[in-house]
Amino acid sequence: MPPGEVIVAILVTIFSFVTLWIAMGMRADRQKKERGGPKQAALDAVEQRLARLEVAVDDMAGALTQVADGQQFLTKLLAERAADRVALPSAPGGNA
């Protein structure tokens, strides 16, 4: 085989292997993208949703604190009224 043909055969072989290697890499990248994985837009949407949820939970906690304060006030008020009723003497000759 003449030296020119040997060089051409070597170059064709190298070119074929490089082309195959690039094609395999492109295929792997495409499969990786198709398989998915968390996309940045999806992650941003989840982060925004969690932020809104955090605000809602904080608001509910504040409202729950107000309800608890109201219950404490009413309990105290009813206890004072009950104590006042017990402390009042009954009217003489009245129906009690």
PDB file of N, CA and C in Angstrom:
ATOM      1  N   MET A   1       0.852  -1.160   0.000  1.00  0.00           N
ATOM      2  CA  MET A   1       0.000   0.000   0.000  1.00  0.00           C
ATOM      3  C   MET A   1       0.902   1.228   0.000  1.00  0.00           C
ATOM      4  N   PRO A   2       0.637   2.176  -0.903  1.00  0.00           N
ATOM      5  CA  PRO A   2       1.466   3.384  -0.954  1.00  0.00           C
ATOM      6  C   PRO A   2       1.251   4.241   0.301  1.00  0.00           C
ATOM      7  N   PRO A   3       2.248   5.031   0.662  1.00  0.00           N
ATOM      8  CA  PRO A   3       2.158   5.841   1.874  1.00  0.00           C
ATOM      9  C   PRO A   3       0.980   6.824   1.853  1.00  0.00           C
ATOM     10  N   GLY A   4       0.576   7.326   0.748  1.00  0.00           N
ATOM     11  CA  GLY A   4      -0.551   8.259   0.654  1.00  0.00           C
ATOM     12  C   GLY A   4      -1.852   7.587   1.040  1.00  0.00           C
ATOM     13  N   GLU A   5      -2.026   6.327   0.602  1.00  0.00           N
ATOM     14  CA  GLU A   5      -3.251   5.595   0.923  1.00  0.00           C
ATOM     15  C   GLU A   5      -3.297   5.257   2.412  1.00  0.00           C
ATOM     16  N   VAL A   6      -2.153   4.987   3.015  1.00  0.00           N
ATOM     17  CA  VAL A   6      -2.109   4.677   4.448  1.00  0.00           C
ATOM     18  C   VAL A   6      -2.547   5.894   5.251  1.00  0.00           C
ATOM     19  N   ILE A   7      -2.054   7.050   4.848  1.00  0.00           N
ATOM     20  CA  ILE A   7      -2.417   8.284   5.546  1.00  0.00           C
ATOM     21  C   ILE A   7      -3.907   8.547   5.397  1.00  0.00           C
ATOM     22  N   VAL A   8      -4.455   8.345   4.203  1.00  0.00           N
ATOM     23  CA  VAL A   8      -5.890   8.549   3.973  1.00  0.00           C
ATOM     24  C   VAL A   8      -6.694   7.566   4.819  1.00  0.00           C
ATOM     25  N   ALA A   9      -6.277   6.308   4.880  1.00  0.00           N
ATOM     26  CA  ALA A   9      -6.987   5.308   5.670  1.00  0.00           C
ATOM     27  C   ALA A   9      -6.968   5.683   7.153  1.00  0.00           C
ATOM     28  N   ILE A  10      -5.833   6.141   7.645  1.00  0.00           N
ATOM     29  CA  ILE A  10      -5.736   6.553   9.053  1.00  0.00           C
ATOM     30  C   ILE A  10      -6.630   7.760   9.319  1.00  0.00           C
ATOM     31  N   LEU A  11      -6.609   8.731   8.439  1.00  0.00           N
ATOM     32  CA  LEU A  11      -7.435   9.927   8.620  1.00  0.00           C
ATOM     33  C   LEU A  11      -8.928   9.590   8.581  1.00  0.00           C
ATOM     34  N   VAL A  12      -9.319   8.710   7.662  1.00  0.00           N
ATOM     35  CA  VAL A  12     -10.729   8.307   7.575  1.00  0.00           C
ATOM     36  C   VAL A  12     -11.143   7.589   8.862  1.00  0.00           C
ATOM     37  N   THR A  13     -10.293   6.724   9.379  1.00  0.00           N
ATOM     38  CA  THR A  13     -10.591   6.003  10.620  1.00  0.00           C
ATOM     39  C   THR A  13     -10.721   6.971  11.788  1.00  0.00           C
ATOM     40  N   ILE A  14      -9.793   7.906  11.899  1.00  0.00           N
ATOM     41  CA  ILE A  14      -9.848   8.897  12.978  1.00  0.00           C
ATOM     42  C   ILE A  14     -11.101   9.752  12.850  1.00  0.00           C
ATOM     43  N   PHE A  15     -11.406  10.202  11.641  1.00  0.00           N
ATOM     44  CA  PHE A  15     -12.598  11.007  11.404  1.00  0.00           C
ATOM     45  C   PHE A  15     -13.850  10.224  11.775  1.00  0.00           C
ATOM     46  N   SER A  16     -13.922   8.956  11.446  1.00  0.00           N
ATOM     47  CA  SER A  16     -15.080   8.126  11.769  1.00  0.00           C
ATOM     48  C   SER A  16     -15.257   8.003  13.275  1.00  0.00           C
ATOM     49  N   PHE A  17     -14.165   7.748  13.998  1.00  0.00           N
ATOM     50  CA  PHE A  17     -14.257   7.619  15.450  1.00  0.00           C
ATOM     51  C   PHE A  17     -14.668   8.944  16.113  1.00  0.00           C
ATOM     52  N   VAL A  18     -14.125  10.046  15.624  1.00  0.00           N
ATOM     53  CA  VAL A  18     -14.491  11.351  16.181  1.00  0.00           C
ATOM     54  C   VAL A  18     -15.958  11.651  15.911  1.00  0.00           C
ATOM     55  N   THR A  19     -16.413  11.368  14.700  1.00  0.00           N
ATOM     56  CA  THR A  19     -17.817  11.589  14.355  1.00  0.00           C
ATOM     57  C   THR A  19     -18.726  10.729  15.227  1.00  0.00           C
ATOM     58  N   LEU A  20     -18.377   9.480  15.416  1.00  0.00           N
ATOM     59  CA  LEU A  20     -19.159   8.572  16.262  1.00  0.00           C
ATOM     60  C   LEU A  20     -19.177   9.066  17.706  1.00  0.00           C
ATOM     61  N   TRP A  21     -18.024   9.524  18.197  1.00  0.00           N
ATOM     62  CA  TRP A  21     -17.935  10.011  19.569  1.00  0.00           C
ATOM     63  C   TRP A  21     -18.812  11.255  19.773  1.00  0.00           C
ATOM     64  N   ILE A  22     -18.797  12.165  18.805  1.00  0.00           N
ATOM     65  CA  ILE A  22     -19.625  13.377  18.886  1.00  0.00           C
ATOM     66  C   ILE A  22     -21.105  13.013  18.834  1.00  0.00           C
ATOM     67  N   ALA A  23     -21.472  12.089  17.949  1.00  0.00           N
ATOM     68  CA  ALA A  23     -22.867  11.672  17.833  1.00  0.00           C
ATOM     69  C   ALA A  23     -23.354  11.032  19.130  1.00  0.00           C
ATOM     70  N   MET A  24     -22.516  10.205  19.750  1.00  0.00           N
ATOM     71  CA  MET A  24     -22.902   9.566  21.009  1.00  0.00           C
ATOM     72  C   MET A  24     -23.074  10.611  22.115  1.00  0.00           C
ATOM     73  N   GLY A  25     -22.216  11.603  22.155  1.00  0.00           N
ATOM     74  CA  GLY A  25     -22.335  12.675  23.144  1.00  0.00           C
ATOM     75  C   GLY A  25     -23.589  13.495  22.947  1.00  0.00           C
ATOM     76  N   MET A  26     -23.914  13.796  21.692  1.00  0.00           N
ATOM     77  CA  MET A  26     -25.135  14.546  21.407  1.00  0.00           C
ATOM     78  C   MET A  26     -26.366  13.750  21.801  1.00  0.00           C
ATOM     79  N   ARG A  27     -26.334  12.454  21.545  1.00  0.00           N
ATOM     80  CA  ARG A  27     -27.465  11.593  21.905  1.00  0.00           C
ATOM     81  C   ARG A  27     -27.626  11.547  23.423  1.00  0.00           C
ATOM     82  N   ALA A  28     -26.530  11.444  24.142  1.00  0.00           N
ATOM     83  CA  ALA A  28     -26.593  11.406  25.607  1.00  0.00           C
ATOM     84  C   ALA A  28     -27.152  12.722  26.147  1.00  0.00           C
ATOM     85  N   ASP A  29     -26.733  13.837  25.572  1.00  0.00           N
ATOM     86  CA  ASP A  29     -27.252  15.133  26.008  1.00  0.00           C
ATOM     87  C   ASP A  29     -28.750  15.247  25.748  1.00  0.00           C
ATOM     88  N   ARG A  30     -29.175  14.790  24.582  1.00  0.00           N
ATOM     89  CA  ARG A  30     -30.597  14.848  24.237  1.00  0.00           C
ATOM     90  C   ARG A  30     -31.417  13.987  25.191  1.00  0.00           C
ATOM     91  N   GLN A  31     -30.927  12.781  25.498  1.00  0.00           N
ATOM     92  CA  GLN A  31     -31.645  11.910  26.420  1.00  0.00           C
ATOM     93  C   GLN A  31     -31.697  12.514  27.812  1.00  0.00           C
ATOM     94  N   LYS A  32     -30.635  13.150  28.221  1.00  0.00           N
ATOM     95  CA  LYS A  32     -30.605  13.782  29.536  1.00  0.00           C
ATOM     96  C   LYS A  32     -31.648  14.896  29.609  1.00  0.00           C
ATOM     97  N   LYS A  33     -31.768  15.669  28.540  1.00  0.00           N
ATOM     98  CA  LYS A  33     -32.762  16.738  28.507  1.00  0.00           C
ATOM     99  C   LYS A  33     -34.174  16.179  28.462  1.00  0.00           C
ATOM    100  N   GLU A  34     -34.373  15.099  27.722  1.00  0.00           N
ATOM    101  CA  GLU A  34     -35.707  14.500  27.617  1.00  0.00           C
ATOM    102  C   GLU A  34     -36.134  13.897  28.939  1.00  0.00           C
ATOM    103  N   ARG A  35     -35.189  13.264  29.644  1.00  0.00           N
ATOM    104  CA  ARG A  35     -35.512  12.672  30.934  1.00  0.00           C
ATOM    105  C   ARG A  35     -35.951  13.734  31.911  1.00  0.00           C
ATOM    106  N   GLY A  36     -35.497  14.879  31.673  1.00  0.00           N
ATOM    107  CA  GLY A  36     -35.892  15.979  32.532  1.00  0.00           C
ATOM    108  C   GLY A  36     -34.935  16.140  33.678  1.00  0.00           C
ATOM    109  N   GLY A  37     -35.433  16.579  34.691  1.00  0.00           N
ATOM    110  CA  GLY A  37     -34.667  17.033  35.813  1.00  0.00           C
ATOM    111  C   GLY A  37     -35.300  18.358  36.134  1.00  0.00           C
ATOM    112  N   PRO A  38     -35.064  18.850  37.267  1.00  0.00           N
ATOM    113  CA  PRO A  38     -35.744  20.091  37.622  1.00  0.00           C
ATOM    114  C   PRO A  38     -35.329  21.246  36.706  1.00  0.00           C
ATOM    115  N   LYS A  39     -36.282  21.816  36.089  1.00  0.00           N
ATOM    116  CA  LYS A  39     -36.037  22.980  35.243  1.00  0.00           C
ATOM    117  C   LYS A  39     -36.045  24.222  36.123  1.00  0.00           C
ATOM    118  N   GLN A  40     -35.307  25.221  35.738  1.00  0.00           N
ATOM    119  CA  GLN A  40     -35.201  26.430  36.560  1.00  0.00           C
ATOM    120  C   GLN A  40     -36.549  27.127  36.687  1.00  0.00           C
ATOM    121  N   ALA A  41     -37.333  27.150  35.613  1.00  0.00           N
ATOM    122  CA  ALA A  41     -38.642  27.806  35.672  1.00  0.00           C
ATOM    123  C   ALA A  41     -39.552  27.092  36.667  1.00  0.00           C
ATOM    124  N   ALA A  42     -39.505  25.778  36.663  1.00  0.00           N
ATOM    125  CA  ALA A  42     -40.332  25.009  37.604  1.00  0.00           C
ATOM    126  C   ALA A  42     -39.870  25.258  39.033  1.00  0.00           C
ATOM    127  N   LEU A  43     -38.568  25.327  39.231  1.00  0.00           N
ATOM    128  CA  LEU A  43     -38.054  25.595  40.574  1.00  0.00           C
ATOM    129  C   LEU A  43     -38.452  26.990  41.053  1.00  0.00           C
ATOM    130  N   ASP A  44     -38.426  27.960  40.156  1.00  0.00           N
ATOM    131  CA  ASP A  44     -38.843  29.309  40.517  1.00  0.00           C
ATOM    132  C   ASP A  44     -40.318  29.350  40.894  1.00  0.00           C
ATOM    133  N   ALA A  45     -41.150  28.620  40.135  1.00  0.00           N
ATOM    134  CA  ALA A  45     -42.577  28.581  40.435  1.00  0.00           C
ATOM    135  C   ALA A  45     -42.828  27.950  41.802  1.00  0.00           C
ATOM    136  N   VAL A  46     -42.115  26.892  42.107  1.00  0.00           N
ATOM    137  CA  VAL A  46     -42.276  26.239  43.407  1.00  0.00           C
ATOM    138  C   VAL A  46     -41.821  27.174  44.531  1.00  0.00           C
ATOM    139  N   GLU A  47     -40.731  27.883  44.296  1.00  0.00           N
ATOM    140  CA  GLU A  47     -40.231  28.814  45.313  1.00  0.00           C
ATOM    141  C   GLU A  47     -41.243  29.928  45.577  1.00  0.00           C
ATOM    142  N   GLN A  48     -41.850  30.462  44.523  1.00  0.00           N
ATOM    143  CA  GLN A  48     -42.859  31.508  44.691  1.00  0.00           C
ATOM    144  C   GLN A  48     -44.080  30.974  45.428  1.00  0.00           C
ATOM    145  N   ARG A  49     -44.473  29.761  45.088  1.00  0.00           N
ATOM    146  CA  ARG A  49     -45.636  29.160  45.745  1.00  0.00           C
ATOM    147  C   ARG A  49     -45.369  28.940  47.229  1.00  0.00           C
ATOM    148  N   LEU A  50     -44.172  28.476  47.567  1.00  0.00           N
ATOM    149  CA  LEU A  50     -43.813  28.289  48.971  1.00  0.00           C
ATOM    150  C   LEU A  50     -43.771  29.614  49.717  1.00  0.00           C
ATOM    151  N   ALA A  51     -43.337  30.661  49.046  1.00  0.00           N
ATOM    152  CA  ALA A  51     -43.320  31.982  49.689  1.00  0.00           C
ATOM    153  C   ALA A  51     -44.740  32.443  49.990  1.00  0.00           C
ATOM    154  N   ARG A  52     -45.663  32.228  49.052  1.00  0.00           N
ATOM    155  CA  ARG A  52     -47.063  32.601  49.297  1.00  0.00           C
ATOM    156  C   ARG A  52     -47.649  31.757  50.426  1.00  0.00           C
ATOM    157  N   LEU A  53     -47.299  30.491  50.464  1.00  0.00           N
ATOM    158  CA  LEU A  53     -47.782  29.605  51.524  1.00  0.00           C
ATOM    159  C   LEU A  53     -47.260  30.061  52.883  1.00  0.00           C
ATOM    160  N   GLU A  54     -46.009  30.491  52.924  1.00  0.00           N
ATOM    161  CA  GLU A  54     -45.426  30.973  54.173  1.00  0.00           C
ATOM    162  C   GLU A  54     -46.179  32.204  54.678  1.00  0.00           C
ATOM    163  N   VAL A  55     -46.509  33.114  53.776  1.00  0.00           N
ATOM    164  CA  VAL A  55     -47.247  34.315  54.157  1.00  0.00           C
ATOM    165  C   VAL A  55     -48.630  33.920  54.672  1.00  0.00           C
ATOM    166  N   ALA A  56     -49.283  32.987  54.003  1.00  0.00           N
ATOM    167  CA  ALA A  56     -50.617  32.559  54.427  1.00  0.00           C
ATOM    168  C   ALA A  56     -50.573  31.910  55.810  1.00  0.00           C
ATOM    169  N   VAL A  57     -49.573  31.090  56.069  1.00  0.00           N
ATOM    170  CA  VAL A  57     -49.459  30.443  57.382  1.00  0.00           C
ATOM    171  C   VAL A  57     -49.200  31.490  58.463  1.00  0.00           C
ATOM    172  N   ASP A  58     -48.365  32.475  58.168  1.00  0.00           N
ATOM    173  CA  ASP A  58     -48.123  33.549  59.136  1.00  0.00           C
ATOM    174  C   ASP A  58     -49.403  34.324  59.433  1.00  0.00           C
ATOM    175  N   ASP A  59     -50.190  34.605  58.403  1.00  0.00           N
ATOM    176  CA  ASP A  59     -51.465  35.305  58.599  1.00  0.00           C
ATOM    177  C   ASP A  59     -52.421  34.477  59.445  1.00  0.00           C
ATOM    178  N   MET A  60     -52.477  33.177  59.178  1.00  0.00           N
ATOM    179  CA  MET A  60     -53.355  32.305  59.960  1.00  0.00           C
ATOM    180  C   MET A  60     -52.899  32.230  61.417  1.00  0.00           C
ATOM    181  N   ALA A  61     -51.605  32.236  61.643  1.00  0.00           N
ATOM    182  CA  ALA A  61     -51.102  32.213  63.014  1.00  0.00           C
ATOM    183  C   ALA A  61     -51.502  33.486  63.748  1.00  0.00           C
ATOM    184  N   GLY A  62     -51.435  34.610  63.073  1.00  0.00           N
ATOM    185  CA  GLY A  62     -51.866  35.868  63.678  1.00  0.00           C
ATOM    186  C   GLY A  62     -53.351  35.849  64.007  1.00  0.00           C
ATOM    187  N   ALA A  63     -54.148  35.340  63.088  1.00  0.00           N
ATOM    188  CA  ALA A  63     -55.593  35.256  63.322  1.00  0.00           C
ATOM    189  C   ALA A  63     -55.890  34.300  64.475  1.00  0.00           C
ATOM    190  N   LEU A  64     -55.175  33.205  64.552  1.00  0.00           N
ATOM    191  CA  LEU A  64     -55.373  32.242  65.634  1.00  0.00           C
ATOM    192  C   LEU A  64     -55.012  32.857  66.983  1.00  0.00           C
ATOM    193  N   THR A  65     -53.999  33.679  67.011  1.00  0.00           N
ATOM    194  CA  THR A  65     -53.619  34.376  68.244  1.00  0.00           C
ATOM    195  C   THR A  65     -54.729  35.325  68.674  1.00  0.00           C
ATOM    196  N   GLN A  66     -55.328  36.008  67.715  1.00  0.00           N
ATOM    197  CA  GLN A  66     -56.434  36.909  68.044  1.00  0.00           C
ATOM    198  C   GLN A  66     -57.629  36.146  68.588  1.00  0.00           C
ATOM    199  N   VAL A  67     -57.935  34.991  68.017  1.00  0.00           N
ATOM    200  CA  VAL A  67     -59.043  34.172  68.503  1.00  0.00           C
ATOM    201  C   VAL A  67     -58.759  33.705  69.929  1.00  0.00           C
ATOM    202  N   ALA A  68     -57.529  33.276  70.183  1.00  0.00           N
ATOM    203  CA  ALA A  68     -57.164  32.822  71.524  1.00  0.00           C
ATOM    204  C   ALA A  68     -57.273  33.966  72.526  1.00  0.00           C
ATOM    205  N   ASP A  69     -56.838  35.163  72.140  1.00  0.00           N
ATOM    206  CA  ASP A  69     -56.959  36.327  73.024  1.00  0.00           C
ATOM    207  C   ASP A  69     -58.427  36.634  73.308  1.00  0.00           C
ATOM    208  N   GLY A  70     -59.259  36.543  72.295  1.00  0.00           N
ATOM    209  CA  GLY A  70     -60.688  36.777  72.472  1.00  0.00           C
ATOM    210  C   GLY A  70     -61.315  35.752  73.403  1.00  0.00           C
ATOM    211  N   GLN A  71     -60.911  34.510  73.271  1.00  0.00           N
ATOM    212  CA  GLN A  71     -61.443  33.472  74.157  1.00  0.00           C
ATOM    213  C   GLN A  71     -61.006  33.714  75.598  1.00  0.00           C
ATOM    214  N   GLN A  72     -59.769  34.124  75.793  1.00  0.00           N
ATOM    215  CA  GLN A  72     -59.299  34.424  77.146  1.00  0.00           C
ATOM    216  C   GLN A  72     -60.084  35.586  77.750  1.00  0.00           C
ATOM    217  N   PHE A  73     -60.333  36.611  76.942  1.00  0.00           N
ATOM    218  CA  PHE A  73     -61.096  37.753  77.429  1.00  0.00           C
ATOM    219  C   PHE A  73     -62.511  37.334  77.815  1.00  0.00           C
ATOM    220  N   LEU A  74     -63.171  36.568  76.955  1.00  0.00           N
ATOM    221  CA  LEU A  74     -64.532  36.143  77.255  1.00  0.00           C
ATOM    222  C   LEU A  74     -64.583  35.231  78.475  1.00  0.00           C
ATOM    223  N   THR A  75     -63.606  34.351  78.609  1.00  0.00           N
ATOM    224  CA  THR A  75     -63.563  33.468  79.776  1.00  0.00           C
ATOM    225  C   THR A  75     -63.419  34.290  81.046  1.00  0.00           C
ATOM    226  N   LYS A  76     -62.535  35.284  81.011  1.00  0.00           N
ATOM    227  CA  LYS A  76     -62.332  36.152  82.171  1.00  0.00           C
ATOM    228  C   LYS A  76     -63.606  36.933  82.479  1.00  0.00           C
ATOM    229  N   LEU A  77     -64.251  37.470  81.450  1.00  0.00           N
ATOM    230  CA  LEU A  77     -65.475  38.248  81.622  1.00  0.00           C
ATOM    231  C   LEU A  77     -66.589  37.390  82.203  1.00  0.00           C
ATOM    232  N   LEU A  78     -66.768  36.190  81.674  1.00  0.00           N
ATOM    233  CA  LEU A  78     -67.820  35.308  82.185  1.00  0.00           C
ATOM    234  C   LEU A  78     -67.524  34.861  83.617  1.00  0.00           C
ATOM    235  N   ALA A  79     -66.267  34.641  83.931  1.00  0.00           N
ATOM    236  CA  ALA A  79     -65.904  34.251  85.299  1.00  0.00           C
ATOM    237  C   ALA A  79     -66.194  35.392  86.268  1.00  0.00           C
ATOM    238  N   GLU A  80     -65.909  36.633  85.874  1.00  0.00           N
ATOM    239  CA  GLU A  80     -66.203  37.780  86.731  1.00  0.00           C
ATOM    240  C   GLU A  80     -67.698  37.949  86.914  1.00  0.00           C
ATOM    241  N   ARG A  81     -68.455  37.775  85.868  1.00  0.00           N
ATOM    242  CA  ARG A  81     -69.919  37.893  85.984  1.00  0.00           C
ATOM    243  C   ARG A  81     -70.485  36.809  86.885  1.00  0.00           C
ATOM    244  N   ALA A  82     -69.957  35.603  86.751  1.00  0.00           N
ATOM    245  CA  ALA A  82     -70.436  34.514  87.604  1.00  0.00           C
ATOM    246  C   ALA A  82     -70.089  34.802  89.059  1.00  0.00           C
ATOM    247  N   ALA A  83     -68.914  35.362  89.321  1.00  0.00           N
ATOM    248  CA  ALA A  83     -68.518  35.691  90.690  1.00  0.00           C
ATOM    249  C   ALA A  83     -69.406  36.809  91.230  1.00  0.00           C
ATOM    250  N   ASP A  84     -69.759  37.779  90.407  1.00  0.00           N
ATOM    251  CA  ASP A  84     -70.642  38.871  90.827  1.00  0.00           C
ATOM    252  C   ASP A  84     -72.034  38.339  91.156  1.00  0.00           C
ATOM    253  N   ARG A  85     -72.517  37.391  90.419  1.00  0.00           N
ATOM    254  CA  ARG A  85     -73.857  36.835  90.657  1.00  0.00           C
ATOM    255  C   ARG A  85     -73.881  36.074  91.973  1.00  0.00           C
ATOM    256  N   VAL A  86     -72.802  35.361  92.260  1.00  0.00           N
ATOM    257  CA  VAL A  86     -72.748  34.612  93.513  1.00  0.00           C
ATOM    258  C   VAL A  86     -72.619  35.566  94.690  1.00  0.00           C
ATOM    259  N   ALA A  87     -71.907  36.642  94.510  1.00  0.00           N
ATOM    260  CA  ALA A  87     -71.671  37.583  95.594  1.00  0.00           C
ATOM    261  C   ALA A  87     -72.905  38.436  95.905  1.00  0.00           C
ATOM    262  N   LEU A  88     -73.798  38.643  94.950  1.00  0.00           N
ATOM    263  CA  LEU A  88     -74.991  39.469  95.186  1.00  0.00           C
ATOM    264  C   LEU A  88     -75.946  38.756  96.133  1.00  0.00           C
ATOM    265  N   PRO A  89     -76.423  39.466  97.135  1.00  0.00           N
ATOM    266  CA  PRO A  89     -77.418  38.844  98.015  1.00  0.00           C
ATOM    267  C   PRO A  89     -78.764  38.783  97.305  1.00  0.00           C
ATOM    268  N   SER A  90     -79.491  37.782  97.601  1.00  0.00           N
ATOM    269  CA  SER A  90     -80.809  37.679  96.979  1.00  0.00           C
ATOM    270  C   SER A  90     -81.748  38.657  97.661  1.00  0.00           C
ATOM    271  N   ALA A  91     -82.698  39.179  96.906  1.00  0.00           N
ATOM    272  CA  ALA A  91     -83.632  40.175  97.428  1.00  0.00           C
ATOM    273  C   ALA A  91     -84.555  39.512  98.456  1.00  0.00           C
ATOM    274  N   PRO A  92     -84.839  40.224  99.530  1.00  0.00           N
ATOM    275  CA  PRO A  92     -85.727  39.630 100.539  1.00  0.00           C
ATOM    276  C   PRO A  92     -87.137  39.468  99.973  1.00  0.00           C
ATOM    277  N   GLY A  93     -87.647  38.300 100.147  1.00  0.00           N
ATOM    278  CA  GLY A  93     -88.978  37.978  99.683  1.00  0.00           C
ATOM    279  C   GLY A  93     -89.107  37.895  98.190  1.00  0.00           C
ATOM    280  N   GLY A  94     -87.999  37.949  97.485  1.00  0.00           N
ATOM    281  CA  GLY A  94     -88.046  37.877  96.034  1.00  0.00           C
ATOM    282  C   GLY A  94     -87.919  36.447  95.541  1.00  0.00           C
ATOM    283  N   ASN A  95     -88.371  36.235  94.370  1.00  0.00           N
ATOM    284  CA  ASN A  95     -88.219  34.911  93.773  1.00  0.00           C
ATOM    285  C   ASN A  95     -86.847  34.859  93.128  1.00  0.00           C
ATOM    286  N   ALA A  96     -86.111  33.924  93.523  1.00  0.00           N
ATOM    287  CA  ALA A  96     -84.789  33.890  92.977  1.00  0.00           C
ATOM    288  C   ALA A  96     -84.573  32.595  92.275  1.00  0.00           C
TER     289      ALA A  96
END
